[in-house]
Amino acid sequence: MTASRTCWGVYREQAHSPGRVGDDAAIMESVAAALGARGFAVELVAAEDLPDTPYANIFAMCERGEALDRLATMEQAGAIVVNSPVAIRNTYRHRMIQLFARHQVPAPLSQVVATDSNNPRPADCAWVKRYDFHATQNDDVMYAASETGWREALRRFAGRGIPFVVAQAHAPGDLIKFYGVRQGETAPDACWFQWFYHRDKGMLGYAFETARLREAAFGAAAALGVEVFGGDAIIKADGEPMIIDLNAWPSYALYRDQAAQAIADHLTERFHRRPRLVASGRS
């Protein structure tokens, strides 16, 4: 098996999969099987077990800085990494809200605030979220629409050694989850997208156009540079979507089989670019 037909998948850290360790592992294993059917030899590893292989083909769910630093070094040496380490870091909330604002992604008003208990509650704040990772435990996102709730949220985050939070306004409407695979600006019709209403949430039944939700979701993904992604949106009363969260490589639990095929198609195309670049004298 040649190097161009060999690839590694990097599992997400278990601490970053609260209640979803099995689902996160399952999508990686499904993608590995789909790549195997396309002629690749695939090995799934934890980030610390990834070998230093020149020109490696890598698909990664990991999120912690030390793992991303290593992937970035490998990428600079010629590896292909999906999602890229920069894109994964861009999903950290403090980066995400800046990039959404810069690229005019429709999103709730958000700001980064230090967890000093003396900081006043922003007037529009209803949600307090960990400033970096999306989920390591249930209270990484807390509802805090009162002064008491705000102080308690800051106290709890500070007590965990988290120096900053994202204070976010509430966006009323219907909560939707979406999944996507983005194949770049040159092949928009080849992109894969699914959405569904979030379970156990009240529904107002606002009408909307799926094409508009797709456009907003892919615009948000492009702003961060992620290729394999999922997120949450609110459909407002006027039918317009608002992106409230975006993350790199979700579990795709409800659409795992479909997603695995779409991701494998995308990775096959990305990994196959290498022989053409090497053959043309580019590395």
C-alpha atoms as a PDB file:
ATOM      1  CA  MET A   1       0.000   0.000   0.000  1.00  0.00           C
ATOM      2  CA  THR A   2       1.532   3.327  -1.052  1.00  0.00           C
ATOM      3  CA  ALA A   3       1.733   6.325   1.272  1.00  0.00           C
ATOM      4  CA  SER A   4      -0.895   8.133  -0.819  1.00  0.00           C
ATOM      5  CA  ARG A   5      -3.368   5.309  -0.061  1.00  0.00           C
ATOM      6  CA  THR A   6      -2.679   5.254   3.690  1.00  0.00           C
ATOM      7  CA  CYS A   7      -4.379   7.523   6.196  1.00  0.00           C
ATOM      8  CA  TRP A   8      -4.890   8.034   9.909  1.00  0.00           C
ATOM      9  CA  GLY A   9      -7.982   9.102  11.797  1.00  0.00           C
ATOM     10  CA  VAL A  10      -7.517  10.864  15.139  1.00  0.00           C
ATOM     11  CA  TYR A  11     -10.203  10.321  17.771  1.00  0.00           C
ATOM     12  CA  ARG A  12     -11.603  13.187  19.827  1.00  0.00           C
ATOM     13  CA  GLU A  13     -10.336  13.376  23.386  1.00  0.00           C
ATOM     14  CA  GLN A  14     -12.815  11.560  25.641  1.00  0.00           C
ATOM     15  CA  ALA A  15     -13.013  14.578  27.961  1.00  0.00           C
ATOM     16  CA  HIS A  16     -14.434  16.516  24.983  1.00  0.00           C
ATOM     17  CA  SER A  17     -17.207  14.003  24.323  1.00  0.00           C
ATOM     18  CA  PRO A  18     -19.415  14.186  27.425  1.00  0.00           C
ATOM     19  CA  GLY A  19     -22.071  11.525  26.944  1.00  0.00           C
ATOM     20  CA  ARG A  20     -21.046  11.069  23.290  1.00  0.00           C
ATOM     21  CA  VAL A  21     -17.854   8.973  23.402  1.00  0.00           C
ATOM     22  CA  GLY A  22     -19.527   6.074  21.595  1.00  0.00           C
ATOM     23  CA  ASP A  23     -21.158   8.283  18.962  1.00  0.00           C
ATOM     24  CA  ASP A  24     -17.942  10.174  18.262  1.00  0.00           C
ATOM     25  CA  ALA A  25     -16.008   6.929  17.902  1.00  0.00           C
ATOM     26  CA  ALA A  26     -18.735   5.484  15.670  1.00  0.00           C
ATOM     27  CA  ILE A  27     -18.535   8.233  13.025  1.00  0.00           C
ATOM     28  CA  MET A  28     -14.750   7.861  12.873  1.00  0.00           C
ATOM     29  CA  GLU A  29     -15.094   4.112  12.452  1.00  0.00           C
ATOM     30  CA  SER A  30     -17.782   4.546   9.790  1.00  0.00           C
ATOM     31  CA  VAL A  31     -15.576   6.956   7.842  1.00  0.00           C
ATOM     32  CA  ALA A  32     -12.640   4.564   8.172  1.00  0.00           C
ATOM     33  CA  ALA A  33     -14.767   1.731   6.757  1.00  0.00           C
ATOM     34  CA  ALA A  34     -15.953   3.946   3.884  1.00  0.00           C
ATOM     35  CA  LEU A  35     -12.361   4.919   3.086  1.00  0.00           C
ATOM     36  CA  GLY A  36     -11.359   1.264   3.244  1.00  0.00           C
ATOM     37  CA  ALA A  37     -14.003   0.500   0.626  1.00  0.00           C
ATOM     38  CA  ARG A  38     -12.359   3.177  -1.543  1.00  0.00           C
ATOM     39  CA  GLY A  39      -8.984   1.455  -1.355  1.00  0.00           C
ATOM     40  CA  PHE A  40      -7.341   3.182   1.604  1.00  0.00           C
ATOM     41  CA  ALA A  41      -5.529   1.537   4.497  1.00  0.00           C
ATOM     42  CA  VAL A  42      -6.829   3.342   7.596  1.00  0.00           C
ATOM     43  CA  GLU A  43      -5.628   3.366  11.188  1.00  0.00           C
ATOM     44  CA  LEU A  44      -7.593   5.082  13.960  1.00  0.00           C
ATOM     45  CA  VAL A  45      -5.519   6.418  16.848  1.00  0.00           C
ATOM     46  CA  ALA A  46      -5.596   8.740  19.830  1.00  0.00           C
ATOM     47  CA  ALA A  47      -3.796  12.027  19.196  1.00  0.00           C
ATOM     48  CA  GLU A  48      -0.792  11.004  21.288  1.00  0.00           C
ATOM     49  CA  ASP A  49      -0.386   7.799  19.248  1.00  0.00           C
ATOM     50  CA  LEU A  50      -0.319   9.424  15.803  1.00  0.00           C
ATOM     51  CA  PRO A  51       3.008   8.554  14.111  1.00  0.00           C
ATOM     52  CA  ASP A  52       5.206  11.264  12.597  1.00  0.00           C
ATOM     53  CA  THR A  53       4.791  10.222   8.974  1.00  0.00           C
ATOM     54  CA  PRO A  54       5.923  12.480   6.089  1.00  0.00           C
ATOM     55  CA  TYR A  55       3.092  13.595   3.804  1.00  0.00           C
ATOM     56  CA  ALA A  56       0.504  11.870   5.999  1.00  0.00           C
ATOM     57  CA  ASN A  57      -3.217  11.801   5.152  1.00  0.00           C
ATOM     58  CA  ILE A  58      -5.083  12.640   8.369  1.00  0.00           C
ATOM     59  CA  PHE A  59      -8.693  13.206   9.387  1.00  0.00           C
ATOM     60  CA  ALA A  60      -9.002  14.539  12.909  1.00  0.00           C
ATOM     61  CA  MET A  61     -11.641  15.053  15.595  1.00  0.00           C
ATOM     62  CA  CYS A  62      -9.200  16.135  18.318  1.00  0.00           C
ATOM     63  CA  GLU A  63      -9.480  19.633  19.799  1.00  0.00           C
ATOM     64  CA  ARG A  64      -6.840  20.288  22.441  1.00  0.00           C
ATOM     65  CA  GLY A  65      -4.022  22.720  21.794  1.00  0.00           C
ATOM     66  CA  GLU A  66      -1.149  20.278  22.162  1.00  0.00           C
ATOM     67  CA  ALA A  67      -2.675  17.887  19.617  1.00  0.00           C
ATOM     68  CA  LEU A  68      -3.411  20.737  17.202  1.00  0.00           C
ATOM     69  CA  ASP A  69       0.150  22.045  17.569  1.00  0.00           C
ATOM     70  CA  ARG A  70       1.473  18.659  16.505  1.00  0.00           C
ATOM     71  CA  LEU A  71      -0.948  18.415  13.579  1.00  0.00           C
ATOM     72  CA  ALA A  72       0.046  21.928  12.492  1.00  0.00           C
ATOM     73  CA  THR A  73       3.709  20.905  12.452  1.00  0.00           C
ATOM     74  CA  MET A  74       2.858  17.839  10.367  1.00  0.00           C
ATOM     75  CA  GLU A  75       0.736  19.966   8.034  1.00  0.00           C
ATOM     76  CA  GLN A  76       3.617  22.368   7.499  1.00  0.00           C
ATOM     77  CA  ALA A  77       5.806  19.365   6.628  1.00  0.00           C
ATOM     78  CA  GLY A  78       3.374  18.252   3.904  1.00  0.00           C
ATOM     79  CA  ALA A  79       0.547  16.400   5.640  1.00  0.00           C
ATOM     80  CA  ILE A  80      -3.072  16.890   4.609  1.00  0.00           C
ATOM     81  CA  VAL A  81      -5.236  17.374   7.711  1.00  0.00           C
ATOM     82  CA  VAL A  82      -9.043  17.580   7.627  1.00  0.00           C
ATOM     83  CA  ASN A  83     -10.225  19.646   9.397  1.00  0.00           C
ATOM     84  CA  SER A  84      -7.081  21.774   9.430  1.00  0.00           C
ATOM     85  CA  PRO A  85      -5.648  22.672  12.854  1.00  0.00           C
ATOM     86  CA  VAL A  86      -6.313  26.361  12.165  1.00  0.00           C
ATOM     87  CA  ALA A  87      -9.946  25.652  11.302  1.00  0.00           C
ATOM     88  CA  ILE A  88     -10.430  23.554  14.439  1.00  0.00           C
ATOM     89  CA  ARG A  89      -8.992  26.365  16.542  1.00  0.00           C
ATOM     90  CA  ASN A  90     -11.332  28.783  14.785  1.00  0.00           C
ATOM     91  CA  THR A  91     -14.269  26.882  16.295  1.00  0.00           C
ATOM     92  CA  TYR A  92     -13.093  27.909  19.778  1.00  0.00           C
ATOM     93  CA  ARG A  93     -15.876  30.289  20.773  1.00  0.00           C
ATOM     94  CA  HIS A  94     -13.785  33.419  21.284  1.00  0.00           C
ATOM     95  CA  ARG A  95     -12.369  33.046  17.740  1.00  0.00           C
ATOM     96  CA  MET A  96     -15.701  32.007  16.276  1.00  0.00           C
ATOM     97  CA  ILE A  97     -17.603  35.106  17.375  1.00  0.00           C
ATOM     98  CA  GLN A  98     -14.849  37.363  15.972  1.00  0.00           C
ATOM     99  CA  LEU A  99     -14.848  35.560  12.621  1.00  0.00           C
ATOM    100  CA  PHE A 100     -18.641  35.524  12.428  1.00  0.00           C
ATOM    101  CA  ALA A 101     -18.659  39.292  12.962  1.00  0.00           C
ATOM    102  CA  ARG A 102     -15.905  39.831  10.388  1.00  0.00           C
ATOM    103  CA  HIS A 103     -17.676  37.751   7.740  1.00  0.00           C
ATOM    104  CA  GLN A 104     -21.159  39.020   8.622  1.00  0.00           C
ATOM    105  CA  VAL A 105     -22.504  35.611   9.593  1.00  0.00           C
ATOM    106  CA  PRO A 106     -25.988  36.047  11.116  1.00  0.00           C
ATOM    107  CA  ALA A 107     -25.409  35.290  14.806  1.00  0.00           C
ATOM    108  CA  PRO A 108     -26.527  36.513  18.253  1.00  0.00           C
ATOM    109  CA  LEU A 109     -24.744  39.450  19.849  1.00  0.00           C
ATOM    110  CA  SER A 110     -21.776  37.988  21.770  1.00  0.00           C
ATOM    111  CA  GLN A 111     -18.765  39.253  23.659  1.00  0.00           C
ATOM    112  CA  VAL A 112     -15.827  37.820  25.592  1.00  0.00           C
ATOM    113  CA  VAL A 113     -15.813  38.700  29.293  1.00  0.00           C
ATOM    114  CA  ALA A 114     -13.291  37.833  32.012  1.00  0.00           C
ATOM    115  CA  THR A 115     -14.626  35.639  34.815  1.00  0.00           C
ATOM    116  CA  ASP A 116     -13.896  38.330  37.397  1.00  0.00           C
ATOM    117  CA  SER A 117     -17.059  38.421  39.530  1.00  0.00           C
ATOM    118  CA  ASN A 118     -16.919  42.244  39.532  1.00  0.00           C
ATOM    119  CA  ASN A 119     -17.606  42.432  35.806  1.00  0.00           C
ATOM    120  CA  PRO A 120     -21.104  43.793  35.144  1.00  0.00           C
ATOM    121  CA  ARG A 121     -23.563  41.638  33.282  1.00  0.00           C
ATOM    122  CA  PRO A 122     -23.940  42.800  29.649  1.00  0.00           C
ATOM    123  CA  ALA A 123     -27.439  44.130  29.101  1.00  0.00           C
ATOM    124  CA  ASP A 124     -28.328  41.595  26.397  1.00  0.00           C
ATOM    125  CA  CYS A 125     -26.690  38.565  28.044  1.00  0.00           C
ATOM    126  CA  ALA A 126     -28.852  35.481  28.536  1.00  0.00           C
ATOM    127  CA  TRP A 127     -26.297  32.706  27.988  1.00  0.00           C
ATOM    128  CA  VAL A 128     -22.828  32.260  29.442  1.00  0.00           C
ATOM    129  CA  LYS A 129     -20.563  29.838  27.591  1.00  0.00           C
ATOM    130  CA  ARG A 130     -17.035  28.595  28.010  1.00  0.00           C
ATOM    131  CA  TYR A 131     -14.835  30.790  25.805  1.00  0.00           C
ATOM    132  CA  ASP A 132     -12.797  28.034  24.143  1.00  0.00           C
ATOM    133  CA  PHE A 133     -14.022  24.442  23.838  1.00  0.00           C
ATOM    134  CA  HIS A 134     -17.642  23.694  23.042  1.00  0.00           C
ATOM    135  CA  ALA A 135     -18.291  20.913  25.530  1.00  0.00           C
ATOM    136  CA  THR A 136     -16.314  19.158  28.210  1.00  0.00           C
ATOM    137  CA  GLN A 137     -19.196  18.977  30.711  1.00  0.00           C
ATOM    138  CA  ASN A 138     -22.847  19.984  30.956  1.00  0.00           C
ATOM    139  CA  ASP A 139     -22.335  23.394  32.538  1.00  0.00           C
ATOM    140  CA  ASP A 140     -20.002  24.672  29.819  1.00  0.00           C
ATOM    141  CA  VAL A 141     -23.181  26.455  28.697  1.00  0.00           C
ATOM    142  CA  MET A 142     -25.307  28.147  31.373  1.00  0.00           C
ATOM    143  CA  TYR A 143     -28.505  30.192  31.211  1.00  0.00           C
ATOM    144  CA  ALA A 144     -27.957  33.421  33.124  1.00  0.00           C
ATOM    145  CA  ALA A 145     -30.557  36.042  32.260  1.00  0.00           C
ATOM    146  CA  SER A 146     -30.520  37.553  35.770  1.00  0.00           C
ATOM    147  CA  GLU A 147     -27.849  39.306  37.801  1.00  0.00           C
ATOM    148  CA  THR A 148     -27.840  36.409  40.266  1.00  0.00           C
ATOM    149  CA  GLY A 149     -27.442  33.861  37.474  1.00  0.00           C
ATOM    150  CA  TRP A 150     -24.640  35.922  35.929  1.00  0.00           C
ATOM    151  CA  ARG A 151     -22.669  36.084  39.176  1.00  0.00           C
ATOM    152  CA  GLU A 152     -23.128  32.369  39.789  1.00  0.00           C
ATOM    153  CA  ALA A 153     -21.994  31.515  36.246  1.00  0.00           C
ATOM    154  CA  LEU A 154     -18.846  33.638  36.584  1.00  0.00           C
ATOM    155  CA  ARG A 155     -18.103  32.096  39.979  1.00  0.00           C
ATOM    156  CA  ARG A 156     -18.426  28.550  38.659  1.00  0.00           C
ATOM    157  CA  PHE A 157     -16.309  29.137  35.559  1.00  0.00           C
ATOM    158  CA  ALA A 158     -13.638  30.943  37.580  1.00  0.00           C
ATOM    159  CA  GLY A 159     -13.656  28.085  40.090  1.00  0.00           C
ATOM    160  CA  ARG A 160     -12.775  25.699  37.272  1.00  0.00           C
ATOM    161  CA  GLY A 161      -9.827  27.866  36.266  1.00  0.00           C
ATOM    162  CA  ILE A 162     -11.513  29.175  33.091  1.00  0.00           C
ATOM    163  CA  PRO A 163     -10.426  32.821  32.705  1.00  0.00           C
ATOM    164  CA  PHE A 164     -13.004  34.000  30.146  1.00  0.00           C
ATOM    165  CA  VAL A 165     -16.571  33.326  29.041  1.00  0.00           C
ATOM    166  CA  VAL A 166     -18.673  34.289  26.061  1.00  0.00           C
ATOM    167  CA  ALA A 167     -21.742  36.305  27.073  1.00  0.00           C
ATOM    168  CA  GLN A 168     -24.409  35.797  24.420  1.00  0.00           C
ATOM    169  CA  ALA A 169     -27.835  37.293  23.799  1.00  0.00           C
ATOM    170  CA  HIS A 170     -30.867  35.016  23.544  1.00  0.00           C
ATOM    171  CA  ALA A 171     -32.229  34.386  20.041  1.00  0.00           C
ATOM    172  CA  PRO A 172     -35.957  33.478  20.157  1.00  0.00           C
ATOM    173  CA  GLY A 173     -37.290  31.010  17.624  1.00  0.00           C
ATOM    174  CA  ASP A 174     -37.096  27.345  16.597  1.00  0.00           C
ATOM    175  CA  LEU A 175     -33.852  25.523  17.420  1.00  0.00           C
ATOM    176  CA  ILE A 176     -32.421  23.469  14.574  1.00  0.00           C
ATOM    177  CA  LYS A 177     -29.333  21.259  14.361  1.00  0.00           C
ATOM    178  CA  PHE A 178     -27.471  20.849  11.103  1.00  0.00           C
ATOM    179  CA  TYR A 179     -24.640  18.760   9.680  1.00  0.00           C
ATOM    180  CA  GLY A 180     -22.477  19.524   6.670  1.00  0.00           C
ATOM    181  CA  VAL A 181     -19.494  18.578   4.531  1.00  0.00           C
ATOM    182  CA  ARG A 182     -18.040  21.522   2.637  1.00  0.00           C
ATOM    183  CA  GLN A 183     -15.955  20.799  -0.454  1.00  0.00           C
ATOM    184  CA  GLY A 184     -14.794  24.333  -1.141  1.00  0.00           C
ATOM    185  CA  GLU A 185     -16.002  27.259  -3.156  1.00  0.00           C
ATOM    186  CA  THR A 186     -15.349  25.594  -6.517  1.00  0.00           C
ATOM    187  CA  ALA A 187     -17.788  22.708  -6.050  1.00  0.00           C
ATOM    188  CA  PRO A 188     -20.818  24.007  -4.103  1.00  0.00           C
ATOM    189  CA  ASP A 189     -23.161  21.422  -5.629  1.00  0.00           C
ATOM    190  CA  ALA A 190     -20.983  18.608  -4.251  1.00  0.00           C
ATOM    191  CA  CYS A 191     -21.531  19.707  -0.651  1.00  0.00           C
ATOM    192  CA  TRP A 192     -23.645  17.547   1.685  1.00  0.00           C
ATOM    193  CA  PHE A 193     -26.127  19.027   4.172  1.00  0.00           C
ATOM    194  CA  GLN A 194     -28.813  17.778   6.568  1.00  0.00           C
ATOM    195  CA  TRP A 195     -30.864  19.478   9.252  1.00  0.00           C
ATOM    196  CA  PHE A 196     -33.404  18.484  11.899  1.00  0.00           C
ATOM    197  CA  TYR A 197     -35.329  20.048  14.762  1.00  0.00           C
ATOM    198  CA  HIS A 198     -33.599  19.748  18.110  1.00  0.00           C
ATOM    199  CA  ARG A 199     -35.273  17.124  20.263  1.00  0.00           C
ATOM    200  CA  ASP A 200     -37.091  18.067  23.453  1.00  0.00           C
ATOM    201  CA  LYS A 201     -37.307  21.747  22.522  1.00  0.00           C
ATOM    202  CA  GLY A 202     -40.512  23.739  22.202  1.00  0.00           C
ATOM    203  CA  MET A 203     -41.549  24.464  18.637  1.00  0.00           C
ATOM    204  CA  LEU A 204     -43.127  27.625  17.297  1.00  0.00           C
ATOM    205  CA  GLY A 205     -43.326  26.280  13.756  1.00  0.00           C
ATOM    206  CA  TYR A 206     -41.826  29.225  11.899  1.00  0.00           C
ATOM    207  CA  ALA A 207     -41.699  28.656   8.150  1.00  0.00           C
ATOM    208  CA  PHE A 208     -38.313  28.944   6.453  1.00  0.00           C
ATOM    209  CA  GLU A 209     -36.452  28.032   3.269  1.00  0.00           C
ATOM    210  CA  THR A 210     -33.966  25.178   3.567  1.00  0.00           C
ATOM    211  CA  ALA A 211     -31.791  26.869   0.943  1.00  0.00           C
ATOM    212  CA  ARG A 212     -31.449  29.910   3.198  1.00  0.00           C
ATOM    213  CA  LEU A 213     -30.464  27.757   6.195  1.00  0.00           C
ATOM    214  CA  ARG A 214     -27.935  25.912   4.046  1.00  0.00           C
ATOM    215  CA  GLU A 215     -26.493  29.184   2.800  1.00  0.00           C
ATOM    216  CA  ALA A 216     -26.086  30.507   6.343  1.00  0.00           C
ATOM    217  CA  ALA A 217     -24.554  27.237   7.604  1.00  0.00           C
ATOM    218  CA  PHE A 218     -22.034  26.988   4.775  1.00  0.00           C
ATOM    219  CA  GLY A 219     -21.231  30.676   5.115  1.00  0.00           C
ATOM    220  CA  ALA A 220     -20.453  30.125   8.794  1.00  0.00           C
ATOM    221  CA  ALA A 221     -18.304  27.072   7.977  1.00  0.00           C
ATOM    222  CA  ALA A 222     -16.417  29.030   5.310  1.00  0.00           C
ATOM    223  CA  ALA A 223     -15.785  31.864   7.781  1.00  0.00           C
ATOM    224  CA  LEU A 224     -14.037  29.381  10.094  1.00  0.00           C
ATOM    225  CA  GLY A 225     -12.440  27.277   7.349  1.00  0.00           C
ATOM    226  CA  VAL A 226     -13.985  23.991   8.486  1.00  0.00           C
ATOM    227  CA  GLU A 227     -14.820  21.318   5.924  1.00  0.00           C
ATOM    228  CA  VAL A 228     -16.526  18.721   8.155  1.00  0.00           C
ATOM    229  CA  PHE A 229     -18.878  20.464  10.568  1.00  0.00           C
ATOM    230  CA  GLY A 230     -22.144  20.685  12.474  1.00  0.00           C
ATOM    231  CA  GLY A 231     -23.943  23.316  14.451  1.00  0.00           C
ATOM    232  CA  ASP A 232     -27.082  24.907  15.796  1.00  0.00           C
ATOM    233  CA  ALA A 233     -29.296  27.579  14.302  1.00  0.00           C
ATOM    234  CA  ILE A 234     -32.375  29.485  15.356  1.00  0.00           C
ATOM    235  CA  ILE A 235     -35.163  30.090  12.846  1.00  0.00           C
ATOM    236  CA  LYS A 236     -36.595  33.500  13.674  1.00  0.00           C
ATOM    237  CA  ALA A 237     -40.210  34.587  13.260  1.00  0.00           C
ATOM    238  CA  ASP A 238     -39.408  36.067   9.842  1.00  0.00           C
ATOM    239  CA  GLY A 239     -37.947  32.737   8.657  1.00  0.00           C
ATOM    240  CA  GLU A 240     -34.353  33.952   8.698  1.00  0.00           C
ATOM    241  CA  PRO A 241     -31.744  31.629  10.271  1.00  0.00           C
ATOM    242  CA  MET A 242     -29.312  32.748  12.935  1.00  0.00           C
ATOM    243  CA  ILE A 243     -26.213  30.613  13.611  1.00  0.00           C
ATOM    244  CA  ILE A 244     -25.677  30.183  17.340  1.00  0.00           C
ATOM    245  CA  ASP A 245     -22.946  27.537  17.289  1.00  0.00           C
ATOM    246  CA  LEU A 246     -20.615  25.736  14.881  1.00  0.00           C
ATOM    247  CA  ASN A 247     -18.224  22.915  15.664  1.00  0.00           C
ATOM    248  CA  ALA A 248     -15.712  20.792  13.812  1.00  0.00           C
ATOM    249  CA  TRP A 249     -16.607  17.169  13.101  1.00  0.00           C
ATOM    250  CA  PRO A 250     -19.746  16.331  15.118  1.00  0.00           C
ATOM    251  CA  SER A 251     -20.964  12.780  15.725  1.00  0.00           C
ATOM    252  CA  TYR A 252     -23.567  12.917  12.901  1.00  0.00           C
ATOM    253  CA  ALA A 253     -25.515  10.413  14.983  1.00  0.00           C
ATOM    254  CA  LEU A 254     -28.868  10.610  13.155  1.00  0.00           C
ATOM    255  CA  TYR A 255     -27.249  10.560   9.700  1.00  0.00           C
ATOM    256  CA  ARG A 256     -24.082   8.599  10.381  1.00  0.00           C
ATOM    257  CA  ASP A 257     -24.176   6.334   7.325  1.00  0.00           C
ATOM    258  CA  GLN A 258     -24.924   9.176   4.913  1.00  0.00           C
ATOM    259  CA  ALA A 259     -22.357  11.452   6.523  1.00  0.00           C
ATOM    260  CA  ALA A 260     -19.640   8.785   6.470  1.00  0.00           C
ATOM    261  CA  GLN A 261     -20.051   8.350   2.705  1.00  0.00           C
ATOM    262  CA  ALA A 262     -20.017  12.117   2.084  1.00  0.00           C
ATOM    263  CA  ILE A 263     -16.971  12.611   4.311  1.00  0.00           C
ATOM    264  CA  ALA A 264     -15.143   9.690   2.670  1.00  0.00           C
ATOM    265  CA  ASP A 265     -15.866  11.137  -0.789  1.00  0.00           C
ATOM    266  CA  HIS A 266     -14.471  14.472   0.348  1.00  0.00           C
ATOM    267  CA  LEU A 267     -11.381  12.959   1.984  1.00  0.00           C
ATOM    268  CA  THR A 268     -10.699  10.804  -1.082  1.00  0.00           C
ATOM    269  CA  GLU A 269     -10.678  13.903  -3.268  1.00  0.00           C
ATOM    270  CA  ARG A 270      -8.480  15.818  -0.785  1.00  0.00           C
ATOM    271  CA  PHE A 271      -5.996  12.983  -0.359  1.00  0.00           C
ATOM    272  CA  HIS A 272      -5.813  12.281  -4.104  1.00  0.00           C
ATOM    273  CA  ARG A 273      -4.553  15.796  -4.827  1.00  0.00           C
ATOM    274  CA  ARG A 274      -1.139  14.856  -3.404  1.00  0.00           C
ATOM    275  CA  PRO A 275       0.117  12.583  -6.235  1.00  0.00           C
ATOM    276  CA  ARG A 276      -0.728  15.272  -8.787  1.00  0.00           C
ATOM    277  CA  LEU A 277       1.127  17.928  -6.778  1.00  0.00           C
ATOM    278  CA  VAL A 278       4.178  15.691  -6.189  1.00  0.00           C
ATOM    279  CA  ALA A 279       4.234  14.586  -9.834  1.00  0.00           C
ATOM    280  CA  SER A 280       4.232  18.219 -10.957  1.00  0.00           C
ATOM    281  CA  GLY A 281       7.219  18.976  -8.725  1.00  0.00           C
ATOM    282  CA  ARG A 282       5.236  20.736  -5.990  1.00  0.00           C
ATOM    283  CA  SER A 283       5.375  19.595  -2.380  1.00  0.00           C
END
